[in-house]
Amino acid sequence: MIDKSKMSRANTILDILEGLDGNHILDVYLSGYQNGRESGYALKQFCSKGDKQVAFAENRNSDDTVVYFGKTLDFNFSDNVPSEKVYKKAVYFRFDKVQDAAEAIFEYLR
């Protein structure tokens, strides 16, 4: 059996983002994010306005969603772990506010 439960929150956020991006305005690359017990995704955007990156997952210490916002150089290239600077500015959303987390990610990458 493959346990996908740790990725369910991140998968839900991806589904919501796809719905929000009905006009296909986001141009991002998807990759995995892994930091200890936090398993999720990273979205990277490279454009003329500059690069952006977001990593998101269920927080390791609670049921909340954690989102890290920064530039691509603010994240480790192998597993997308955020720098200390980005880590300290993490944004947390209550476990039942997944829609809010997805909307914040969408607005940042827009």
PDB file of N, CA and C in Angstrom:
ATOM      1  N   MET A   1       0.837  -1.187   0.000  1.00  0.00           N
ATOM      2  CA  MET A   1       0.000   0.000   0.000  1.00  0.00           C
ATOM      3  C   MET A   1       0.883   1.251   0.000  1.00  0.00           C
ATOM      4  N   ILE A   2       0.511   2.211  -0.777  1.00  0.00           N
ATOM      5  CA  ILE A   2       1.205   3.494  -0.820  1.00  0.00           C
ATOM      6  C   ILE A   2       0.383   4.496  -0.010  1.00  0.00           C
ATOM      7  N   ASP A   3       0.996   5.068   1.018  1.00  0.00           N
ATOM      8  CA  ASP A   3       0.310   6.028   1.879  1.00  0.00           C
ATOM      9  C   ASP A   3       0.445   7.429   1.283  1.00  0.00           C
ATOM     10  N   LYS A   4      -0.654   7.952   0.782  1.00  0.00           N
ATOM     11  CA  LYS A   4      -0.660   9.277   0.177  1.00  0.00           C
ATOM     12  C   LYS A   4      -1.291  10.326   1.095  1.00  0.00           C
ATOM     13  N   SER A   5      -1.564   9.948   2.340  1.00  0.00           N
ATOM     14  CA  SER A   5      -2.291  10.838   3.242  1.00  0.00           C
ATOM     15  C   SER A   5      -1.540  12.144   3.522  1.00  0.00           C
ATOM     16  N   LYS A   6      -0.219  12.112   3.580  1.00  0.00           N
ATOM     17  CA  LYS A   6       0.553  13.329   3.851  1.00  0.00           C
ATOM     18  C   LYS A   6       0.467  14.342   2.712  1.00  0.00           C
ATOM     19  N   MET A   7       0.075  13.886   1.541  1.00  0.00           N
ATOM     20  CA  MET A   7      -0.003  14.772   0.384  1.00  0.00           C
ATOM     21  C   MET A   7      -1.424  15.255   0.117  1.00  0.00           C
ATOM     22  N   SER A   8      -2.396  14.812   0.896  1.00  0.00           N
ATOM     23  CA  SER A   8      -3.793  15.144   0.579  1.00  0.00           C
ATOM     24  C   SER A   8      -4.056  16.649   0.638  1.00  0.00           C
ATOM     25  N   ARG A   9      -3.490  17.332   1.622  1.00  0.00           N
ATOM     26  CA  ARG A   9      -3.692  18.789   1.724  1.00  0.00           C
ATOM     27  C   ARG A   9      -3.080  19.484   0.514  1.00  0.00           C
ATOM     28  N   ALA A  10      -1.860  19.115   0.174  1.00  0.00           N
ATOM     29  CA  ALA A  10      -1.187  19.729  -0.980  1.00  0.00           C
ATOM     30  C   ALA A  10      -1.944  19.428  -2.269  1.00  0.00           C
ATOM     31  N   ASN A  11      -2.461  18.220  -2.402  1.00  0.00           N
ATOM     32  CA  ASN A  11      -3.239  17.872  -3.604  1.00  0.00           C
ATOM     33  C   ASN A  11      -4.517  18.688  -3.699  1.00  0.00           C
ATOM     34  N   THR A  12      -5.165  18.918  -2.565  1.00  0.00           N
ATOM     35  CA  THR A  12      -6.374  19.745  -2.551  1.00  0.00           C
ATOM     36  C   THR A  12      -6.057  21.167  -2.988  1.00  0.00           C
ATOM     37  N   ILE A  13      -4.952  21.714  -2.498  1.00  0.00           N
ATOM     38  CA  ILE A  13      -4.555  23.071  -2.894  1.00  0.00           C
ATOM     39  C   ILE A  13      -4.282  23.134  -4.391  1.00  0.00           C
ATOM     40  N   LEU A  14      -3.597  22.126  -4.928  1.00  0.00           N
ATOM     41  CA  LEU A  14      -3.350  22.099  -6.379  1.00  0.00           C
ATOM     42  C   LEU A  14      -4.656  22.082  -7.158  1.00  0.00           C
ATOM     43  N   ASP A  15      -5.621  21.288  -6.707  1.00  0.00           N
ATOM     44  CA  ASP A  15      -6.925  21.229  -7.379  1.00  0.00           C
ATOM     45  C   ASP A  15      -7.612  22.593  -7.363  1.00  0.00           C
ATOM     46  N   ILE A  16      -7.566  23.273  -6.225  1.00  0.00           N
ATOM     47  CA  ILE A  16      -8.183  24.604  -6.123  1.00  0.00           C
ATOM     48  C   ILE A  16      -7.460  25.592  -7.034  1.00  0.00           C
ATOM     49  N   LEU A  17      -6.124  25.536  -7.062  1.00  0.00           N
ATOM     50  CA  LEU A  17      -5.356  26.433  -7.934  1.00  0.00           C
ATOM     51  C   LEU A  17      -5.728  26.233  -9.403  1.00  0.00           C
ATOM     52  N   GLU A  18      -5.905  24.988  -9.801  1.00  0.00           N
ATOM     53  CA  GLU A  18      -6.307  24.733 -11.193  1.00  0.00           C
ATOM     54  C   GLU A  18      -7.660  25.359 -11.484  1.00  0.00           C
ATOM     55  N   GLY A  19      -8.573  25.321 -10.524  1.00  0.00           N
ATOM     56  CA  GLY A  19      -9.876  25.959 -10.694  1.00  0.00           C
ATOM     57  C   GLY A  19      -9.770  27.473 -10.758  1.00  0.00           C
ATOM     58  N   LEU A  20      -8.920  28.062  -9.916  1.00  0.00           N
ATOM     59  CA  LEU A  20      -8.726  29.513  -9.914  1.00  0.00           C
ATOM     60  C   LEU A  20      -8.077  29.991 -11.201  1.00  0.00           C
ATOM     61  N   ASP A  21      -7.267  29.133 -11.805  1.00  0.00           N
ATOM     62  CA  ASP A  21      -6.513  29.508 -13.013  1.00  0.00           C
ATOM     63  C   ASP A  21      -7.250  29.096 -14.282  1.00  0.00           C
ATOM     64  N   GLY A  22      -8.539  29.325 -14.308  1.00  0.00           N
ATOM     65  CA  GLY A  22      -9.358  28.953 -15.458  1.00  0.00           C
ATOM     66  C   GLY A  22      -8.913  29.587 -16.764  1.00  0.00           C
ATOM     67  N   ASN A  23      -8.327  30.771 -16.690  1.00  0.00           N
ATOM     68  CA  ASN A  23      -7.866  31.466 -17.900  1.00  0.00           C
ATOM     69  C   ASN A  23      -6.407  31.179 -18.213  1.00  0.00           C
ATOM     70  N   HIS A  24      -5.797  30.262 -17.477  1.00  0.00           N
ATOM     71  CA  HIS A  24      -4.407  29.823 -17.698  1.00  0.00           C
ATOM     72  C   HIS A  24      -3.417  30.978 -17.686  1.00  0.00           C
ATOM     73  N   ILE A  25      -3.525  31.811 -16.650  1.00  0.00           N
ATOM     74  CA  ILE A  25      -2.587  32.936 -16.557  1.00  0.00           C
ATOM     75  C   ILE A  25      -1.318  32.572 -15.792  1.00  0.00           C
ATOM     76  N   LEU A  26      -1.371  31.496 -15.003  1.00  0.00           N
ATOM     77  CA  LEU A  26      -0.166  31.080 -14.284  1.00  0.00           C
ATOM     78  C   LEU A  26       0.734  30.256 -15.198  1.00  0.00           C
ATOM     79  N   ASP A  27       1.998  30.544 -15.151  1.00  0.00           N
ATOM     80  CA  ASP A  27       2.993  29.775 -15.899  1.00  0.00           C
ATOM     81  C   ASP A  27       4.030  29.325 -14.887  1.00  0.00           C
ATOM     82  N   VAL A  28       3.787  28.163 -14.285  1.00  0.00           N
ATOM     83  CA  VAL A  28       4.626  27.700 -13.184  1.00  0.00           C
ATOM     84  C   VAL A  28       5.098  26.272 -13.418  1.00  0.00           C
ATOM     85  N   TYR A  29       6.166  25.929 -12.731  1.00  0.00           N
ATOM     86  CA  TYR A  29       6.707  24.576 -12.754  1.00  0.00           C
ATOM     87  C   TYR A  29       6.411  23.930 -11.404  1.00  0.00           C
ATOM     88  N   LEU A  30       5.948  22.717 -11.434  1.00  0.00           N
ATOM     89  CA  LEU A  30       5.596  21.978 -10.229  1.00  0.00           C
ATOM     90  C   LEU A  30       6.716  21.012  -9.866  1.00  0.00           C
ATOM     91  N   SER A  31       7.068  20.988  -8.585  1.00  0.00           N
ATOM     92  CA  SER A  31       8.030  20.002  -8.095  1.00  0.00           C
ATOM     93  C   SER A  31       7.656  19.657  -6.656  1.00  0.00           C
ATOM     94  N   GLY A  32       8.302  18.656  -6.124  1.00  0.00           N
ATOM     95  CA  GLY A  32       8.015  18.227  -4.765  1.00  0.00           C
ATOM     96  C   GLY A  32       8.686  19.108  -3.731  1.00  0.00           C
ATOM     97  N   TYR A  33       8.108  19.135  -2.545  1.00  0.00           N
ATOM     98  CA  TYR A  33       8.682  19.835  -1.399  1.00  0.00           C
ATOM     99  C   TYR A  33       8.705  18.841  -0.244  1.00  0.00           C
ATOM    100  N   GLN A  34       9.850  18.686   0.380  1.00  0.00           N
ATOM    101  CA  GLN A  34       9.990  17.752   1.493  1.00  0.00           C
ATOM    102  C   GLN A  34      10.897  18.358   2.551  1.00  0.00           C
ATOM    103  N   ASN A  35      10.373  18.495   3.760  1.00  0.00           N
ATOM    104  CA  ASN A  35      11.167  18.991   4.881  1.00  0.00           C
ATOM    105  C   ASN A  35      10.712  18.263   6.137  1.00  0.00           C
ATOM    106  N   GLY A  36      11.391  17.206   6.475  1.00  0.00           N
ATOM    107  CA  GLY A  36      10.998  16.420   7.634  1.00  0.00           C
ATOM    108  C   GLY A  36       9.628  15.805   7.424  1.00  0.00           C
ATOM    109  N   ARG A  37       8.685  16.126   8.317  1.00  0.00           N
ATOM    110  CA  ARG A  37       7.326  15.599   8.200  1.00  0.00           C
ATOM    111  C   ARG A  37       6.439  16.454   7.313  1.00  0.00           C
ATOM    112  N   GLU A  38       6.964  17.526   6.738  1.00  0.00           N
ATOM    113  CA  GLU A  38       6.184  18.338   5.805  1.00  0.00           C
ATOM    114  C   GLU A  38       6.416  17.819   4.389  1.00  0.00           C
ATOM    115  N   SER A  39       5.345  17.347   3.777  1.00  0.00           N
ATOM    116  CA  SER A  39       5.406  16.843   2.402  1.00  0.00           C
ATOM    117  C   SER A  39       4.374  17.597   1.579  1.00  0.00           C
ATOM    118  N   GLY A  40       4.837  18.225   0.516  1.00  0.00           N
ATOM    119  CA  GLY A  40       3.914  18.994  -0.310  1.00  0.00           C
ATOM    120  C   GLY A  40       4.513  19.287  -1.664  1.00  0.00           C
ATOM    121  N   TYR A  41       4.213  20.470  -2.156  1.00  0.00           N
ATOM    122  CA  TYR A  41       4.657  20.868  -3.484  1.00  0.00           C
ATOM    123  C   TYR A  41       5.320  22.230  -3.456  1.00  0.00           C
ATOM    124  N   ALA A  42       6.116  22.476  -4.475  1.00  0.00           N
ATOM    125  CA  ALA A  42       6.691  23.795  -4.721  1.00  0.00           C
ATOM    126  C   ALA A  42       6.272  24.206  -6.123  1.00  0.00           C
ATOM    127  N   LEU A  43       5.934  25.466  -6.271  1.00  0.00           N
ATOM    128  CA  LEU A  43       5.612  26.041  -7.574  1.00  0.00           C
ATOM    129  C   LEU A  43       6.640  27.116  -7.862  1.00  0.00           C
ATOM    130  N   LYS A  44       7.273  27.023  -9.030  1.00  0.00           N
ATOM    131  CA  LYS A  44       8.304  27.982  -9.421  1.00  0.00           C
ATOM    132  C   LYS A  44       7.835  28.729 -10.652  1.00  0.00           C
ATOM    133  N   GLN A  45       8.069  30.024 -10.625  1.00  0.00           N
ATOM    134  CA  GLN A  45       7.668  30.874 -11.750  1.00  0.00           C
ATOM    135  C   GLN A  45       8.866  31.712 -12.179  1.00  0.00           C
ATOM    136  N   PHE A  46       9.165  31.640 -13.457  1.00  0.00           N
ATOM    137  CA  PHE A  46      10.244  32.443 -14.039  1.00  0.00           C
ATOM    138  C   PHE A  46       9.614  33.349 -15.086  1.00  0.00           C
ATOM    139  N   CYS A  47       9.748  34.662 -14.907  1.00  0.00           N
ATOM    140  CA  CYS A  47       9.171  35.582 -15.891  1.00  0.00           C
ATOM    141  C   CYS A  47       9.969  36.878 -15.910  1.00  0.00           C
ATOM    142  N   SER A  48       9.582  37.763 -16.814  1.00  0.00           N
ATOM    143  CA  SER A  48      10.309  39.020 -16.971  1.00  0.00           C
ATOM    144  C   SER A  48      10.216  39.899 -15.725  1.00  0.00           C
ATOM    145  N   LYS A  49       9.180  39.724 -14.916  1.00  0.00           N
ATOM    146  CA  LYS A  49       9.020  40.511 -13.691  1.00  0.00           C
ATOM    147  C   LYS A  49       9.915  39.994 -12.560  1.00  0.00           C
ATOM    148  N   GLY A  50      10.549  38.847 -12.783  1.00  0.00           N
ATOM    149  CA  GLY A  50      11.382  38.239 -11.749  1.00  0.00           C
ATOM    150  C   GLY A  50      10.849  36.873 -11.387  1.00  0.00           C
ATOM    151  N   ASP A  51      11.649  36.123 -10.676  1.00  0.00           N
ATOM    152  CA  ASP A  51      11.251  34.770 -10.315  1.00  0.00           C
ATOM    153  C   ASP A  51      10.561  34.752  -8.951  1.00  0.00           C
ATOM    154  N   LYS A  52       9.657  33.789  -8.784  1.00  0.00           N
ATOM    155  CA  LYS A  52       8.944  33.598  -7.526  1.00  0.00           C
ATOM    156  C   LYS A  52       8.858  32.107  -7.258  1.00  0.00           C
ATOM    157  N   GLN A  53       8.790  31.769  -5.989  1.00  0.00           N
ATOM    158  CA  GLN A  53       8.584  30.372  -5.631  1.00  0.00           C
ATOM    159  C   GLN A  53       7.718  30.296  -4.384  1.00  0.00           C
ATOM    160  N   VAL A  54       6.897  29.265  -4.347  1.00  0.00           N
ATOM    161  CA  VAL A  54       6.035  28.987  -3.209  1.00  0.00           C
ATOM    162  C   VAL A  54       6.166  27.507  -2.883  1.00  0.00           C
ATOM    163  N   ALA A  55       6.264  27.184  -1.608  1.00  0.00           N
ATOM    164  CA  ALA A  55       6.208  25.787  -1.158  1.00  0.00           C
ATOM    165  C   ALA A  55       5.081  25.696  -0.139  1.00  0.00           C
ATOM    166  N   PHE A  56       4.321  24.603  -0.182  1.00  0.00           N
ATOM    167  CA  PHE A  56       3.184  24.472   0.729  1.00  0.00           C
ATOM    168  C   PHE A  56       2.956  23.016   1.097  1.00  0.00           C
ATOM    169  N   ALA A  57       2.442  22.835   2.328  1.00  0.00           N
ATOM    170  CA  ALA A  57       2.207  21.494   2.855  1.00  0.00           C
ATOM    171  C   ALA A  57       1.378  21.609   4.124  1.00  0.00           C
ATOM    172  N   GLU A  58       0.981  20.452   4.644  1.00  0.00           N
ATOM    173  CA  GLU A  58       0.406  20.419   5.981  1.00  0.00           C
ATOM    174  C   GLU A  58       1.561  20.612   6.954  1.00  0.00           C
ATOM    175  N   ASN A  59       1.386  21.527   7.903  1.00  0.00           N
ATOM    176  CA  ASN A  59       2.459  21.832   8.853  1.00  0.00           C
ATOM    177  C   ASN A  59       2.807  20.628   9.716  1.00  0.00           C
ATOM    178  N   ARG A  60       4.082  20.468   9.974  1.00  0.00           N
ATOM    179  CA  ARG A  60       4.554  19.303  10.736  1.00  0.00           C
ATOM    180  C   ARG A  60       4.107  19.314  12.192  1.00  0.00           C
ATOM    181  N   ASN A  61       3.800  20.484  12.750  1.00  0.00           N
ATOM    182  CA  ASN A  61       3.463  20.581  14.171  1.00  0.00           C
ATOM    183  C   ASN A  61       1.976  20.754  14.450  1.00  0.00           C
ATOM    184  N   SER A  62       1.166  20.819  13.411  1.00  0.00           N
ATOM    185  CA  SER A  62      -0.270  21.039  13.596  1.00  0.00           C
ATOM    186  C   SER A  62      -1.001  20.525  12.359  1.00  0.00           C
ATOM    187  N   ASP A  63      -2.290  20.719  12.346  1.00  0.00           N
ATOM    188  CA  ASP A  63      -3.086  20.365  11.171  1.00  0.00           C
ATOM    189  C   ASP A  63      -3.216  21.539  10.203  1.00  0.00           C
ATOM    190  N   ASP A  64      -2.574  22.649  10.519  1.00  0.00           N
ATOM    191  CA  ASP A  64      -2.661  23.835   9.670  1.00  0.00           C
ATOM    192  C   ASP A  64      -1.879  23.647   8.375  1.00  0.00           C
ATOM    193  N   THR A  65      -2.155  24.518   7.429  1.00  0.00           N
ATOM    194  CA  THR A  65      -1.403  24.555   6.175  1.00  0.00           C
ATOM    195  C   THR A  65      -0.316  25.610   6.320  1.00  0.00           C
ATOM    196  N   VAL A  66       0.886  25.284   5.900  1.00  0.00           N
ATOM    197  CA  VAL A  66       1.980  26.251   5.930  1.00  0.00           C
ATOM    198  C   VAL A  66       2.359  26.568   4.485  1.00  0.00           C
ATOM    199  N   VAL A  67       2.596  27.869   4.227  1.00  0.00           N
ATOM    200  CA  VAL A  67       2.988  28.317   2.895  1.00  0.00           C
ATOM    201  C   VAL A  67       4.225  29.194   3.046  1.00  0.00           C
ATOM    202  N   TYR A  68       5.218  28.911   2.224  1.00  0.00           N
ATOM    203  CA  TYR A  68       6.456  29.679   2.203  1.00  0.00           C
ATOM    204  C   TYR A  68       6.527  30.428   0.884  1.00  0.00           C
ATOM    205  N   PHE A  69       6.686  31.745   0.941  1.00  0.00           N
ATOM    206  CA  PHE A  69       6.760  32.596  -0.241  1.00  0.00           C
ATOM    207  C   PHE A  69       8.164  33.169  -0.365  1.00  0.00           C
ATOM    208  N   GLY A  70       8.719  33.177  -1.576  1.00  0.00           N
ATOM    209  CA  GLY A  70      10.031  33.766  -1.779  1.00  0.00           C
ATOM    210  C   GLY A  70      10.451  33.736  -3.226  1.00  0.00           C
ATOM    211  N   LYS A  71      11.728  33.943  -3.434  1.00  0.00           N
ATOM    212  CA  LYS A  71      12.358  33.842  -4.752  1.00  0.00           C
ATOM    213  C   LYS A  71      12.956  32.446  -4.884  1.00  0.00           C
ATOM    214  N   THR A  72      13.241  32.023  -6.092  1.00  0.00           N
ATOM    215  CA  THR A  72      13.763  30.668  -6.272  1.00  0.00           C
ATOM    216  C   THR A  72      15.102  30.471  -5.552  1.00  0.00           C
ATOM    217  N   LEU A  73      15.907  31.503  -5.466  1.00  0.00           N
ATOM    218  CA  LEU A  73      17.192  31.374  -4.779  1.00  0.00           C
ATOM    219  C   LEU A  73      17.039  31.279  -3.264  1.00  0.00           C
ATOM    220  N   ASP A  74      15.837  31.540  -2.752  1.00  0.00           N
ATOM    221  CA  ASP A  74      15.562  31.424  -1.324  1.00  0.00           C
ATOM    222  C   ASP A  74      15.233  29.992  -0.903  1.00  0.00           C
ATOM    223  N   PHE A  75      15.259  29.052  -1.863  1.00  0.00           N
ATOM    224  CA  PHE A  75      14.904  27.664  -1.592  1.00  0.00           C
ATOM    225  C   PHE A  75      16.034  26.744  -2.033  1.00  0.00           C
ATOM    226  N   ASN A  76      16.230  25.666  -1.312  1.00  0.00           N
ATOM    227  CA  ASN A  76      17.194  24.634  -1.669  1.00  0.00           C
ATOM    228  C   ASN A  76      16.745  23.991  -2.982  1.00  0.00           C
ATOM    229  N   PHE A  77      17.666  23.757  -3.890  1.00  0.00           N
ATOM    230  CA  PHE A  77      17.293  23.232  -5.204  1.00  0.00           C
ATOM    231  C   PHE A  77      16.906  21.761  -5.201  1.00  0.00           C
ATOM    232  N   SER A  78      17.393  20.976  -4.237  1.00  0.00           N
ATOM    233  CA  SER A  78      17.110  19.540  -4.278  1.00  0.00           C
ATOM    234  C   SER A  78      15.743  19.177  -3.716  1.00  0.00           C
ATOM    235  N   ASP A  79      15.339  19.812  -2.607  1.00  0.00           N
ATOM    236  CA  ASP A  79      14.056  19.443  -2.012  1.00  0.00           C
ATOM    237  C   ASP A  79      13.170  20.643  -1.706  1.00  0.00           C
ATOM    238  N   ASN A  80      13.571  21.820  -2.169  1.00  0.00           N
ATOM    239  CA  ASN A  80      12.784  23.047  -2.061  1.00  0.00           C
ATOM    240  C   ASN A  80      12.545  23.523  -0.632  1.00  0.00           C
ATOM    241  N   VAL A  81      13.459  23.199   0.266  1.00  0.00           N
ATOM    242  CA  VAL A  81      13.364  23.687   1.641  1.00  0.00           C
ATOM    243  C   VAL A  81      13.686  25.184   1.635  1.00  0.00           C
ATOM    244  N   PRO A  82      12.876  25.988   2.317  1.00  0.00           N
ATOM    245  CA  PRO A  82      13.113  27.435   2.308  1.00  0.00           C
ATOM    246  C   PRO A  82      14.328  27.833   3.157  1.00  0.00           C
ATOM    247  N   SER A  83      14.889  28.978   2.805  1.00  0.00           N
ATOM    248  CA  SER A  83      15.974  29.547   3.599  1.00  0.00           C
ATOM    249  C   SER A  83      15.430  29.959   4.963  1.00  0.00           C
ATOM    250  N   GLU A  84      16.319  30.241   5.878  1.00  0.00           N
ATOM    251  CA  GLU A  84      15.912  30.679   7.218  1.00  0.00           C
ATOM    252  C   GLU A  84      15.058  31.946   7.135  1.00  0.00           C
ATOM    253  N   LYS A  85      15.437  32.849   6.235  1.00  0.00           N
ATOM    254  CA  LYS A  85      14.690  34.103   6.057  1.00  0.00           C
ATOM    255  C   LYS A  85      13.241  33.825   5.650  1.00  0.00           C
ATOM    256  N   VAL A  86      13.045  32.950   4.680  1.00  0.00           N
ATOM    257  CA  VAL A  86      11.700  32.612   4.208  1.00  0.00           C
ATOM    258  C   VAL A  86      10.963  31.789   5.260  1.00  0.00           C
ATOM    259  N   TYR A  87      11.671  30.876   5.897  1.00  0.00           N
ATOM    260  CA  TYR A  87      11.071  30.019   6.924  1.00  0.00           C
ATOM    261  C   TYR A  87      10.465  30.854   8.056  1.00  0.00           C
ATOM    262  N   LYS A  88      11.170  31.907   8.458  1.00  0.00           N
ATOM    263  CA  LYS A  88      10.684  32.765   9.543  1.00  0.00           C
ATOM    264  C   LYS A  88       9.458  33.579   9.141  1.00  0.00           C
ATOM    265  N   LYS A  89       9.224  33.738   7.835  1.00  0.00           N
ATOM    266  CA  LYS A  89       8.072  34.503   7.350  1.00  0.00           C
ATOM    267  C   LYS A  89       6.944  33.590   6.859  1.00  0.00           C
ATOM    268  N   ALA A  90       6.968  32.337   7.280  1.00  0.00           N
ATOM    269  CA  ALA A  90       5.940  31.379   6.861  1.00  0.00           C
ATOM    270  C   ALA A  90       4.549  31.908   7.198  1.00  0.00           C
ATOM    271  N   VAL A  91       3.603  31.601   6.321  1.00  0.00           N
ATOM    272  CA  VAL A  91       2.214  31.989   6.533  1.00  0.00           C
ATOM    273  C   VAL A  91       1.424  30.717   6.827  1.00  0.00           C
ATOM    274  N   TYR A  92       0.637  30.767   7.903  1.00  0.00           N
ATOM    275  CA  TYR A  92      -0.136  29.601   8.327  1.00  0.00           C
ATOM    276  C   TYR A  92      -1.622  29.851   8.122  1.00  0.00           C
ATOM    277  N   PHE A  93      -2.293  28.836   7.637  1.00  0.00           N
ATOM    278  CA  PHE A  93      -3.738  28.883   7.440  1.00  0.00           C
ATOM    279  C   PHE A  93      -4.353  27.745   8.246  1.00  0.00           C
ATOM    280  N   ARG A  94      -5.424  28.035   8.935  1.00  0.00           N
ATOM    281  CA  ARG A  94      -6.114  26.977   9.690  1.00  0.00           C
ATOM    282  C   ARG A  94      -6.435  25.809   8.778  1.00  0.00           C
ATOM    283  N   PHE A  95      -6.535  24.634   9.360  1.00  0.00           N
ATOM    284  CA  PHE A  95      -6.767  23.412   8.585  1.00  0.00           C
ATOM    285  C   PHE A  95      -8.016  23.494   7.713  1.00  0.00           C
ATOM    286  N   ASP A  96      -9.010  24.277   8.124  1.00  0.00           N
ATOM    287  CA  ASP A  96     -10.250  24.381   7.358  1.00  0.00           C
ATOM    288  C   ASP A  96     -10.258  25.580   6.411  1.00  0.00           C
ATOM    289  N   LYS A  97      -9.129  26.228   6.224  1.00  0.00           N
ATOM    290  CA  LYS A  97      -9.012  27.402   5.351  1.00  0.00           C
ATOM    291  C   LYS A  97      -8.115  27.106   4.144  1.00  0.00           C
ATOM    292  N   VAL A  98      -8.278  25.929   3.574  1.00  0.00           N
ATOM    293  CA  VAL A  98      -7.467  25.516   2.427  1.00  0.00           C
ATOM    294  C   VAL A  98      -7.715  26.434   1.233  1.00  0.00           C
ATOM    295  N   GLN A  99      -8.961  26.840   1.042  1.00  0.00           N
ATOM    296  CA  GLN A  99      -9.306  27.767  -0.051  1.00  0.00           C
ATOM    297  C   GLN A  99      -8.525  29.071   0.101  1.00  0.00           C
ATOM    298  N   ASP A 100      -8.443  29.591   1.321  1.00  0.00           N
ATOM    299  CA  ASP A 100      -7.699  30.834   1.572  1.00  0.00           C
ATOM    300  C   ASP A 100      -6.214  30.659   1.241  1.00  0.00           C
ATOM    301  N   ALA A 101      -5.660  29.510   1.593  1.00  0.00           N
ATOM    302  CA  ALA A 101      -4.247  29.244   1.279  1.00  0.00           C
ATOM    303  C   ALA A 101      -4.032  29.232  -0.226  1.00  0.00           C
ATOM    304  N   ALA A 102      -4.919  28.552  -0.949  1.00  0.00           N
ATOM    305  CA  ALA A 102      -4.801  28.487  -2.412  1.00  0.00           C
ATOM    306  C   ALA A 102      -4.937  29.872  -3.034  1.00  0.00           C
ATOM    307  N   GLU A 103      -5.860  30.667  -2.539  1.00  0.00           N
ATOM    308  CA  GLU A 103      -6.044  32.021  -3.082  1.00  0.00           C
ATOM    309  C   GLU A 103      -4.822  32.895  -2.824  1.00  0.00           C
ATOM    310  N   ALA A 104      -4.203  32.754  -1.655  1.00  0.00           N
ATOM    311  CA  ALA A 104      -2.988  33.522  -1.357  1.00  0.00           C
ATOM    312  C   ALA A 104      -1.852  33.126  -2.299  1.00  0.00           C
ATOM    313  N   ILE A 105      -1.720  31.842  -2.560  1.00  0.00           N
ATOM    314  CA  ILE A 105      -0.694  31.354  -3.493  1.00  0.00           C
ATOM    315  C   ILE A 105      -0.963  31.887  -4.890  1.00  0.00           C
ATOM    316  N   PHE A 106      -2.203  31.811  -5.311  1.00  0.00           N
ATOM    317  CA  PHE A 106      -2.584  32.286  -6.641  1.00  0.00           C
ATOM    318  C   PHE A 106      -2.276  33.763  -6.802  1.00  0.00           C
ATOM    319  N   GLU A 107      -2.649  34.566  -5.822  1.00  0.00           N
ATOM    320  CA  GLU A 107      -2.402  36.014  -5.901  1.00  0.00           C
ATOM    321  C   GLU A 107      -0.907  36.323  -5.936  1.00  0.00           C
ATOM    322  N   TYR A 108      -0.107  35.580  -5.190  1.00  0.00           N
ATOM    323  CA  TYR A 108       1.340  35.809  -5.177  1.00  0.00           C
ATOM    324  C   TYR A 108       1.951  35.497  -6.546  1.00  0.00           C
ATOM    325  N   LEU A 109       1.500  34.426  -7.172  1.00  0.00           N
ATOM    326  CA  LEU A 109       2.097  34.005  -8.450  1.00  0.00           C
ATOM    327  C   LEU A 109       1.492  34.705  -9.658  1.00  0.00           C
ATOM    328  N   ARG A 110       0.428  35.373  -9.498  1.00  0.00           N
ATOM    329  CA  ARG A 110      -0.277  36.061 -10.580  1.00  0.00           C
ATOM    330  C   ARG A 110       0.559  37.096 -11.264  1.00  0.00           C
TER     331      ARG A 110
END
